[in-house]
């Protein structure tokens, strides 16, 4: 028997090369080439489901009615927020996260709510029907109209979709689905890419909403080729510590809504419950003011969140001082320490610096810069910041404090939660006074440190 011909496919960009290399020649990423079997034969899917493979007519763009796409809610407010207001007919959603973080639980709850008004189908490739029924019983959901299929063969799944015509389908998970048209194993780059493409094509042609669950790598990225994220309409990531009872769902791509929306859930015995006031989760309750703690307002999509930034600065006993950041960019921390030294005269080259965003939230926006520097300065001086202080602002390499978007919304959220002092970029100072909140505008990092020092005295 002749040996199967193989090539190497990049899991990041989908590029193909005949020989293995440590670096992908297409996207220059390291250790991303995976061996795959070269599929032989002509049109592999030409004879399958010919009713779906009709040629689309060529039309003028001006002849197409530009109407708002109607949405339908899942019955879970936080989930609808991340989706941009709800699901869209014909939309394809990819949701990933660590094992056991709650992906299947959330989707089972959402399908149970949708089953009251729509035809739904849960396709499971990882669990048996009995296991899913046990979870549904534990969650106390009404599963009377929730249809289930335990199947991993793509052709059988597509046949079920054509026969039963469900309106919402969950595929749990896409890595377990395989097609007979391909000889590679389930979970391989070729299988994941082709199965996702076929399911997406069916969704667009029939109007079925498909939600696919994806595995993640040890780095936290979705497993399989990066083109999987380009195929779908919406990509959601579960965040948060699996040892904590709180879960965060973030949208990183959404063709039908805003990206970087954040949904906050609490894991309970009855499943995932939405948290109406998530800012309380990310603020530690200190009986007395402590050094190295600073509260900032971050903007996650359309939602302002108050997050506590904690810093610990200690004398280093090693030749190279440590820089460790949890929830924030570690490279940006090194840059901010250089700015602090150059423009404020505060050196930390012989100090270990540890930064943590409380609650397991990941902050990607640069508006956290000012809070990080104030927390570091507070820890170095071992003096707490004034009570009721909240800050935000980006710090540039020249030491200037740059404005942050949606400053008014951030300030209103801080005032609503009882904060009394806000140190913000001067460009963000509101024209009209916000009741109960003293706003201090700053232009440079040394100016901010001086005004904080004056406010604390």
Protein backbone atom coordinates (compact mmCIF):
# COMPACT_ATOMS: atom_id res chain seq x y z
CA UNK A 1 0.00 0.00 0.00
CA UNK A 2 1.45 3.33 -1.04
CA UNK A 3 2.29 5.79 1.68
CA UNK A 4 -0.12 8.71 1.95
CA UNK A 5 1.29 11.98 0.71
CA UNK A 6 1.53 14.73 3.31
CA UNK A 7 2.29 18.41 3.56
CA UNK A 8 2.50 20.90 6.41
CA UNK A 9 -0.21 23.43 7.22
CA UNK A 10 0.19 26.49 9.43
CA UNK A 11 -2.34 26.63 12.27
CA UNK A 12 -2.15 30.45 12.33
CA UNK A 13 -2.57 31.50 8.71
CA UNK A 14 -3.48 28.25 6.93
CA UNK A 15 -0.41 28.42 4.68
CA UNK A 16 0.86 25.16 3.14
CA UNK A 17 4.45 24.04 2.59
CA UNK A 18 5.94 20.75 1.41
CA UNK A 19 8.65 20.58 4.07
CA UNK A 20 8.57 21.15 7.79
CA UNK A 21 10.28 24.25 9.14
CA UNK A 22 10.44 25.86 12.52
CA UNK A 23 9.02 29.10 11.11
CA UNK A 24 6.03 29.41 8.79
CA UNK A 25 7.24 30.94 5.50
CA UNK A 26 3.91 32.71 5.00
CA UNK A 27 3.25 34.45 8.35
CA UNK A 28 6.66 34.01 10.09
CA UNK A 29 5.10 32.42 13.21
CA UNK A 30 7.18 29.81 15.01
CA UNK A 31 6.23 26.15 15.64
CA UNK A 32 2.87 26.39 13.89
CA UNK A 33 3.36 23.89 11.03
CA UNK A 34 1.36 20.67 11.46
CA UNK A 35 1.61 17.63 9.20
CA UNK A 36 -1.59 16.92 7.24
CA UNK A 37 -2.52 14.32 4.63
CA UNK A 38 -2.95 15.59 1.06
CA UNK A 39 -6.51 14.86 0.04
CA UNK A 40 -6.86 13.35 -3.45
CA UNK A 41 -9.86 13.41 -5.70
CA UNK A 42 -11.83 16.06 -7.50
CA UNK A 43 -14.73 17.94 -6.05
CA UNK A 44 -15.10 16.22 -2.68
CA UNK A 45 -18.44 17.76 -1.81
CA UNK A 46 -19.94 18.03 -5.29
CA UNK A 47 -22.32 15.09 -4.91
CA UNK A 48 -23.35 15.91 -1.36
CA UNK A 49 -26.42 18.01 -0.66
CA UNK A 50 -26.72 19.35 -4.19
CA UNK A 51 -29.84 21.22 -3.18
CA UNK A 52 -27.70 23.59 -1.14
CA UNK A 53 -25.03 24.14 -3.80
CA UNK A 54 -26.95 26.31 -6.24
CA UNK A 55 -25.11 29.13 -7.99
CA UNK A 56 -25.97 32.53 -6.53
CA UNK A 57 -27.09 35.13 -9.10
CA UNK A 58 -25.07 38.30 -9.74
CA UNK A 59 -27.04 41.36 -8.60
CA UNK A 60 -26.40 45.07 -8.25
CA UNK A 61 -25.62 46.22 -4.72
CA UNK A 62 -28.12 49.08 -5.06
CA UNK A 63 -30.91 46.55 -5.75
CA UNK A 64 -30.41 44.85 -2.38
CA UNK A 65 -32.62 46.15 0.41
CA UNK A 66 -30.43 47.46 3.23
CA UNK A 67 -32.50 46.52 6.26
CA UNK A 68 -31.47 46.05 9.85
CA UNK A 69 -30.90 42.42 10.68
CA UNK A 70 -33.49 41.31 13.25
CA UNK A 71 -32.17 39.71 16.41
CA UNK A 72 -33.65 37.30 18.88
CA UNK A 73 -32.59 37.07 22.51
CA UNK A 74 -31.37 33.94 24.26
CA UNK A 75 -33.06 34.79 27.56
CA UNK A 76 -29.66 35.41 29.17
CA UNK A 77 -29.10 39.16 29.31
CA UNK A 78 -25.31 39.07 29.69
CA UNK A 79 -24.96 36.61 26.80
CA UNK A 80 -27.14 38.81 24.58
CA UNK A 81 -24.98 41.82 25.48
CA UNK A 82 -21.81 40.07 24.27
CA UNK A 83 -23.56 38.98 21.07
CA UNK A 84 -24.48 42.59 20.36
CA UNK A 85 -28.16 42.30 21.31
CA UNK A 86 -28.90 38.67 20.51
CA UNK A 87 -28.46 36.03 17.85
CA UNK A 88 -28.92 36.66 14.13
CA UNK A 89 -30.61 34.28 11.69
CA UNK A 90 -27.91 32.68 9.54
CA UNK A 91 -25.14 33.86 11.87
CA UNK A 92 -22.26 31.60 12.91
CA UNK A 93 -20.81 32.00 16.42
CA UNK A 94 -17.59 30.40 17.64
CA UNK A 95 -17.10 30.24 21.41
CA UNK A 96 -13.89 29.01 23.07
CA UNK A 97 -12.49 28.66 26.55
CA UNK A 98 -10.59 26.42 28.95
CA UNK A 99 -12.01 22.96 29.72
CA UNK A 100 -14.67 23.03 32.42
CA UNK A 101 -15.11 26.81 32.38
CA UNK A 102 -18.81 26.63 31.45
CA UNK A 103 -19.17 26.73 27.64
CA UNK A 104 -21.55 23.77 27.39
CA UNK A 105 -23.48 24.86 30.48
CA UNK A 106 -24.12 28.34 29.09
CA UNK A 107 -25.19 27.06 25.67
CA UNK A 108 -27.49 24.41 27.18
CA UNK A 109 -29.19 27.12 29.26
CA UNK A 110 -29.52 29.38 26.20
CA UNK A 111 -30.98 26.58 24.04
CA UNK A 112 -33.46 25.66 26.78
CA UNK A 113 -34.72 29.27 26.79
CA UNK A 114 -34.86 29.44 22.99
CA UNK A 115 -36.69 26.09 22.72
CA UNK A 116 -39.85 27.77 24.03
CA UNK A 117 -40.15 29.92 20.90
CA UNK A 118 -37.88 28.32 18.27
CA UNK A 119 -36.84 24.91 16.98
CA UNK A 120 -33.42 24.12 18.44
CA UNK A 121 -30.93 21.28 18.15
CA UNK A 122 -27.96 20.39 20.35
CA UNK A 123 -25.36 18.29 18.51
CA UNK A 124 -22.92 16.70 20.94
CA UNK A 125 -19.69 15.06 19.87
CA UNK A 126 -18.09 14.88 23.31
CA UNK A 127 -20.84 13.68 25.65
CA UNK A 128 -23.56 11.06 25.44
CA UNK A 129 -27.22 11.93 25.63
CA UNK A 130 -27.41 10.60 29.18
CA UNK A 131 -24.61 12.89 30.33
CA UNK A 132 -26.29 15.94 28.82
CA UNK A 133 -29.62 14.91 30.35
CA UNK A 134 -27.94 14.71 33.77
CA UNK A 135 -26.56 18.23 33.32
CA UNK A 136 -29.98 19.50 32.28
CA UNK A 137 -31.53 17.92 35.37
CA UNK A 138 -28.89 19.51 37.60
CA UNK A 139 -29.55 22.90 36.02
CA UNK A 140 -33.33 22.41 36.42
CA UNK A 141 -34.00 23.47 32.83
CA UNK A 142 -37.12 22.72 30.81
CA UNK A 143 -35.80 20.36 28.13
CA UNK A 144 -39.16 19.23 26.75
CA UNK A 145 -38.67 20.91 23.36
CA UNK A 146 -34.86 20.73 23.24
CA UNK A 147 -33.78 18.25 20.57
CA UNK A 148 -30.48 16.39 20.96
CA UNK A 149 -28.25 14.48 18.56
CA UNK A 150 -25.07 12.69 19.63
CA UNK A 151 -23.18 12.61 16.31
CA UNK A 152 -19.74 13.55 14.99
CA UNK A 153 -20.02 12.74 11.26
CA UNK A 154 -20.55 15.92 9.24
CA UNK A 155 -22.68 14.33 6.52
CA UNK A 156 -25.16 12.94 9.04
CA UNK A 157 -25.33 16.30 10.84
CA UNK A 158 -26.01 18.14 7.57
CA UNK A 159 -28.73 15.61 6.70
CA UNK A 160 -30.35 16.25 10.10
CA UNK A 161 -30.29 20.00 9.51
CA UNK A 162 -31.98 19.61 6.12
CA UNK A 163 -34.58 17.14 7.41
CA UNK A 164 -35.56 18.78 10.73
CA UNK A 165 -34.88 22.44 9.76
CA UNK A 166 -33.96 23.73 13.23
CA UNK A 167 -33.58 27.49 13.70
CA UNK A 168 -30.69 27.37 16.20
CA UNK A 169 -28.02 24.66 16.35
CA UNK A 170 -25.16 24.13 18.81
CA UNK A 171 -22.15 22.04 17.65
CA UNK A 172 -20.22 20.85 20.72
CA UNK A 173 -17.48 20.79 19.62
CA UNK A 174 -16.18 21.53 16.10
CA UNK A 175 -12.93 19.65 16.83
CA UNK A 176 -14.83 16.35 17.18
CA UNK A 177 -16.69 16.64 13.87
CA UNK A 178 -15.23 14.86 10.83
CA UNK A 179 -16.16 14.38 7.18
CA UNK A 180 -15.91 11.13 5.22
CA UNK A 181 -14.71 13.17 2.25
CA UNK A 182 -11.41 13.70 4.09
CA UNK A 183 -9.10 10.94 5.22
CA UNK A 184 -7.40 12.88 8.03
CA UNK A 185 -8.32 12.33 11.67
CA UNK A 186 -10.97 14.37 13.53
CA UNK A 187 -9.46 17.51 15.04
CA UNK A 188 -6.83 17.89 12.33
CA UNK A 189 -6.35 21.19 10.56
CA UNK A 190 -8.02 19.97 7.37
CA UNK A 191 -11.04 18.47 9.14
CA UNK A 192 -11.69 21.49 11.35
CA UNK A 193 -11.37 23.91 8.44
CA UNK A 194 -13.55 21.95 6.03
CA UNK A 195 -16.26 21.06 8.57
CA UNK A 196 -16.50 24.65 9.76
CA UNK A 197 -16.69 25.88 6.17
CA UNK A 198 -19.46 23.41 5.28
CA UNK A 199 -21.51 24.31 8.38
CA UNK A 200 -21.06 28.02 7.68
CA UNK A 201 -22.21 27.56 4.08
CA UNK A 202 -25.34 25.75 5.27
CA UNK A 203 -26.03 28.50 7.82
CA UNK A 204 -25.83 31.24 5.18
CA UNK A 205 -28.01 29.40 2.65
CA UNK A 206 -30.72 28.19 5.02
CA UNK A 207 -30.80 30.92 7.70
CA UNK A 208 -29.96 28.49 10.51
CA UNK A 209 -28.05 30.08 13.40
CA UNK A 210 -25.09 27.85 14.29
CA UNK A 211 -23.05 28.13 17.48
CA UNK A 212 -19.80 26.15 17.46
CA UNK A 213 -17.73 25.31 20.54
CA UNK A 214 -13.97 25.35 19.98
CA UNK A 215 -11.12 23.89 22.00
CA UNK A 216 -8.28 26.16 23.10
CA UNK A 217 -4.54 25.64 23.25
CA UNK A 218 -2.44 25.95 26.40
CA UNK A 219 -1.79 29.58 25.44
CA UNK A 220 -5.55 30.22 25.52
CA UNK A 221 -6.05 30.67 21.75
CA UNK A 222 -8.58 28.68 19.78
CA UNK A 223 -7.11 25.40 18.57
CA UNK A 224 -6.96 24.61 14.87
CA UNK A 225 -6.25 26.94 11.97
CA UNK A 226 -6.58 30.68 12.45
CA UNK A 227 -8.80 30.76 9.37
CA UNK A 228 -11.51 29.22 11.56
CA UNK A 229 -11.95 32.62 13.24
CA UNK A 230 -12.14 34.36 9.84
CA UNK A 231 -14.88 32.04 8.59
CA UNK A 232 -17.39 32.70 11.38
CA UNK A 233 -19.30 35.92 12.13
CA UNK A 234 -18.71 36.15 15.88
CA UNK A 235 -15.88 34.90 18.10
CA UNK A 236 -16.38 34.73 21.88
CA UNK A 237 -13.81 33.81 24.52
CA UNK A 238 -14.42 32.62 28.05
CA UNK A 239 -12.03 34.27 30.51
CA UNK A 240 -11.46 34.06 34.24
CA UNK A 241 -9.95 31.62 36.68
CA UNK A 242 -11.60 28.19 36.69
CA UNK A 243 -11.04 28.10 40.46
CA UNK A 244 -13.20 31.21 40.86
CA UNK A 245 -17.00 31.25 40.69
CA UNK A 246 -16.99 34.16 38.22
CA UNK A 247 -16.76 33.84 34.45
CA UNK A 248 -16.15 36.50 31.80
CA UNK A 249 -17.26 36.15 28.18
CA UNK A 250 -15.58 38.58 25.77
CA UNK A 251 -16.37 39.24 22.11
CA UNK A 252 -13.20 39.60 20.05
CA UNK A 253 -14.95 39.60 16.67
CA UNK A 254 -18.54 40.45 15.81
CA UNK A 255 -19.85 41.30 12.35
CA UNK A 256 -23.22 42.22 13.86
CA UNK A 257 -22.14 44.24 16.90
CA UNK A 258 -19.38 45.89 18.88
CA UNK A 259 -16.20 44.01 19.73
CA UNK A 260 -14.65 43.85 23.20
CA UNK A 261 -18.08 43.60 24.80
CA UNK A 262 -17.88 41.80 28.12
CA UNK A 263 -20.46 39.58 29.80
CA UNK A 264 -20.01 38.71 33.47
CA UNK A 265 -21.44 35.52 34.95
CA UNK A 266 -21.41 33.77 38.32
CA UNK A 267 -21.23 29.98 38.35
CA UNK A 268 -23.88 28.58 40.70
CA UNK A 269 -25.41 25.18 41.33
CA UNK A 270 -28.14 26.08 38.84
CA UNK A 271 -25.69 27.11 36.11
CA UNK A 272 -24.36 30.48 34.97
CA UNK A 273 -26.19 33.56 36.22
CA UNK A 274 -25.62 37.05 34.84
CA UNK A 275 -24.11 39.65 37.19
CA UNK A 276 -25.96 42.98 37.03
CA UNK A 277 -23.27 45.05 38.82
CA UNK A 278 -19.93 43.53 37.75
CA UNK A 279 -17.82 46.44 39.07
CA UNK A 280 -18.32 45.10 42.59
CA UNK A 281 -16.51 41.88 41.58
CA UNK A 282 -13.29 43.64 40.64
CA UNK A 283 -13.00 45.85 43.74
CA UNK A 284 -11.41 44.42 46.89
CA UNK A 285 -13.03 45.36 50.17
CA UNK A 286 -10.36 46.89 52.41
CA UNK A 287 -11.26 47.94 55.96
CA UNK A 288 -8.45 50.49 55.87
CA UNK A 289 -6.63 52.12 52.97
CA UNK A 290 -3.70 50.01 51.76
CA UNK A 291 -0.61 51.01 49.81
CA UNK A 292 -0.23 49.84 46.22
CA UNK A 293 -3.95 49.81 45.41
CA UNK A 294 -5.55 52.07 42.78
CA UNK A 295 -9.04 51.88 41.25
CA UNK A 296 -9.43 52.61 37.54
CA UNK A 297 -12.38 52.77 35.15
CA UNK A 298 -11.94 50.60 32.08
CA UNK A 299 -14.29 50.58 29.11
CA UNK A 300 -15.29 47.13 27.87
CA UNK A 301 -17.28 47.74 24.72
CA UNK A 302 -20.24 49.87 25.81
CA UNK A 303 -19.85 49.04 29.50
CA UNK A 304 -17.63 50.97 31.97
CA UNK A 305 -16.14 48.76 34.69
CA UNK A 306 -14.31 49.72 37.84
CA UNK A 307 -11.27 47.50 38.38
CA UNK A 308 -8.73 47.58 41.18
CA UNK A 309 -5.08 47.58 40.11
CA UNK A 310 -2.70 46.27 42.77
CA UNK A 311 1.06 46.79 42.76
CA UNK A 312 3.77 45.35 44.97
CA UNK A 313 7.27 46.82 44.77
CA UNK A 314 10.01 45.14 46.78
CA UNK A 315 13.79 45.21 46.85
CA UNK A 316 15.27 42.76 44.37
CA UNK A 317 17.76 40.16 45.57
CA UNK A 318 18.70 39.00 42.09
CA UNK A 319 20.93 40.63 39.47
CA UNK A 320 17.92 41.24 37.22
CA UNK A 321 14.83 42.67 38.87
CA UNK A 322 11.59 40.81 38.13
CA UNK A 323 8.67 42.32 36.24
CA UNK A 324 5.46 40.31 36.56
CA UNK A 325 2.03 41.38 35.35
CA UNK A 326 -1.28 39.51 35.69
CA UNK A 327 -4.18 40.80 33.61
CA UNK A 328 -2.09 43.54 31.93
CA UNK A 329 0.57 43.61 29.22
CA UNK A 330 3.99 42.84 30.68
CA UNK A 331 5.84 44.69 27.92
CA UNK A 332 3.81 47.81 28.59
CA UNK A 333 4.73 47.56 32.29
CA UNK A 334 8.44 47.77 31.40
CA UNK A 335 7.74 50.82 29.23
CA UNK A 336 5.77 52.55 32.00
CA UNK A 337 8.59 51.99 34.50
CA UNK A 338 10.98 53.70 32.09
CA UNK A 339 8.58 56.65 31.75
CA UNK A 340 8.27 56.85 35.54
CA UNK A 341 12.06 57.07 35.87
CA UNK A 342 12.67 59.52 33.04
CA UNK A 343 9.81 61.96 33.63
CA UNK A 344 9.07 61.63 37.34
CA UNK A 345 12.52 60.79 38.71
CA UNK A 346 11.34 57.55 40.37
CA UNK A 347 13.69 54.64 39.67
CA UNK A 348 12.74 50.98 40.05
CA UNK A 349 15.70 49.27 38.36
CA UNK A 350 16.68 47.53 41.62
CA UNK A 351 13.09 46.69 42.61
CA UNK A 352 10.89 43.69 41.83
CA UNK A 353 7.56 44.98 40.47
CA UNK A 354 4.39 42.88 40.52
CA UNK A 355 1.10 44.09 39.02
CA UNK A 356 -2.31 42.42 39.30
CA UNK A 357 -5.79 43.26 37.98
CA UNK A 358 -8.19 42.04 40.67
CA UNK A 359 -10.89 39.56 39.71
CA UNK A 360 -9.12 37.83 36.82
CA UNK A 361 -10.14 40.45 34.26
CA UNK A 362 -7.77 41.15 31.37
CA UNK A 363 -7.26 44.84 30.60
CA UNK A 364 -6.02 45.54 27.08
CA UNK A 365 -6.71 49.27 26.72
CA UNK A 366 -3.91 51.79 27.43
CA UNK A 367 -6.20 53.84 29.72
CA UNK A 368 -4.90 51.67 32.58
CA UNK A 369 -1.43 53.29 32.38
CA UNK A 370 -2.07 56.04 34.93
CA UNK A 371 -3.56 53.62 37.47
CA UNK A 372 -0.56 51.30 37.13
CA UNK A 373 1.96 54.09 37.75
CA UNK A 374 0.04 55.51 40.72
CA UNK A 375 -0.23 52.05 42.29
CA UNK A 376 3.52 51.48 41.78
CA UNK A 377 4.37 54.85 43.32
CA UNK A 378 2.05 54.18 46.26
CA UNK A 379 3.71 50.81 46.93
CA UNK A 380 7.23 52.26 46.68
CA UNK A 381 6.39 55.04 49.17
CA UNK A 382 4.30 52.61 51.28
CA UNK A 383 1.58 55.26 51.47
CA UNK A 384 -2.01 54.53 50.41
CA UNK A 385 -3.75 56.67 47.84
CA UNK A 386 -6.62 58.92 49.03
CA UNK A 387 -9.88 57.14 49.79
CA UNK A 388 -12.54 57.38 47.10
CA UNK A 389 -9.97 57.94 44.33
CA UNK A 390 -10.56 56.69 40.80
CA UNK A 391 -8.29 57.30 37.79
CA UNK A 392 -7.88 56.56 34.10
CA UNK A 393 -5.62 57.82 31.33
CA UNK A 394 -2.98 56.73 28.84
CA UNK A 395 0.65 57.65 29.50
CA UNK A 396 2.86 58.48 26.53
CA UNK A 397 6.62 58.04 26.21
CA UNK A 398 7.09 61.78 26.64
CA UNK A 399 5.33 61.62 30.02
CA UNK A 400 2.10 63.21 28.78
CA UNK A 401 -1.35 61.99 29.92
CA UNK A 402 -3.50 61.29 26.89
CA UNK A 403 -7.31 61.25 26.91
CA UNK A 404 -9.37 58.07 26.98
CA UNK A 405 -12.54 57.48 24.95
CA UNK A 406 -15.97 57.79 26.62
CA UNK A 407 -14.64 59.72 29.58
CA UNK A 408 -18.09 60.99 30.59
CA UNK A 409 -19.48 57.46 30.90
CA UNK A 410 -16.49 56.39 33.02
CA UNK A 411 -16.95 59.32 35.40
CA UNK A 412 -20.69 58.72 35.78
CA UNK A 413 -20.07 55.06 36.63
CA UNK A 414 -17.50 56.05 39.27
CA UNK A 415 -19.86 58.63 40.81
CA UNK A 416 -22.69 56.08 40.87
CA UNK A 417 -20.54 53.71 42.94
CA UNK A 418 -19.64 56.40 45.49
CA UNK A 419 -16.17 57.55 44.42
CA UNK A 420 -15.46 61.17 45.30
CA UNK A 421 -12.13 62.08 43.57
CA UNK A 422 -11.19 61.45 39.93
CA UNK A 423 -7.73 62.10 38.48
CA UNK A 424 -8.08 62.01 34.72
CA UNK A 425 -6.49 63.52 31.58
CA UNK A 426 -7.20 67.22 31.26
CA UNK A 427 -8.87 66.67 27.89
CA UNK A 428 -11.46 64.43 29.56
CA UNK A 429 -12.52 66.96 32.21
CA UNK A 430 -16.30 67.47 31.76
CA UNK A 431 -17.75 70.92 31.08
CA UNK A 432 -20.52 70.35 33.61
CA UNK A 433 -19.80 69.24 37.15
CA UNK A 434 -20.77 65.70 38.13
CA UNK A 435 -22.55 65.63 41.47
CA UNK A 436 -20.50 64.17 44.31
CA UNK A 437 -17.30 63.86 42.23
CA UNK A 438 -14.28 66.17 42.37
CA UNK A 439 -12.50 65.97 39.00
CA UNK A 440 -8.79 66.81 38.77
CA UNK A 441 -7.33 67.15 35.27
CA UNK A 442 -3.64 66.39 34.70
CA UNK A 443 -1.38 66.79 31.65
CA UNK A 444 1.85 65.01 32.70
CA UNK A 445 2.80 62.12 34.95
CA UNK A 446 4.81 64.30 37.37
CA UNK A 447 1.81 66.65 37.60
CA UNK A 448 -0.43 63.68 38.46
CA UNK A 449 1.91 62.45 41.20
CA UNK A 450 2.11 65.92 42.76
CA UNK A 451 -1.66 66.42 42.77
CA UNK A 452 -2.22 62.96 44.27
CA UNK A 453 0.33 63.77 46.97
CA UNK A 454 -1.43 67.08 47.71
CA UNK A 455 -4.87 65.41 47.81
CA UNK A 456 -3.62 62.85 50.34
CA UNK A 457 -2.18 65.43 52.73
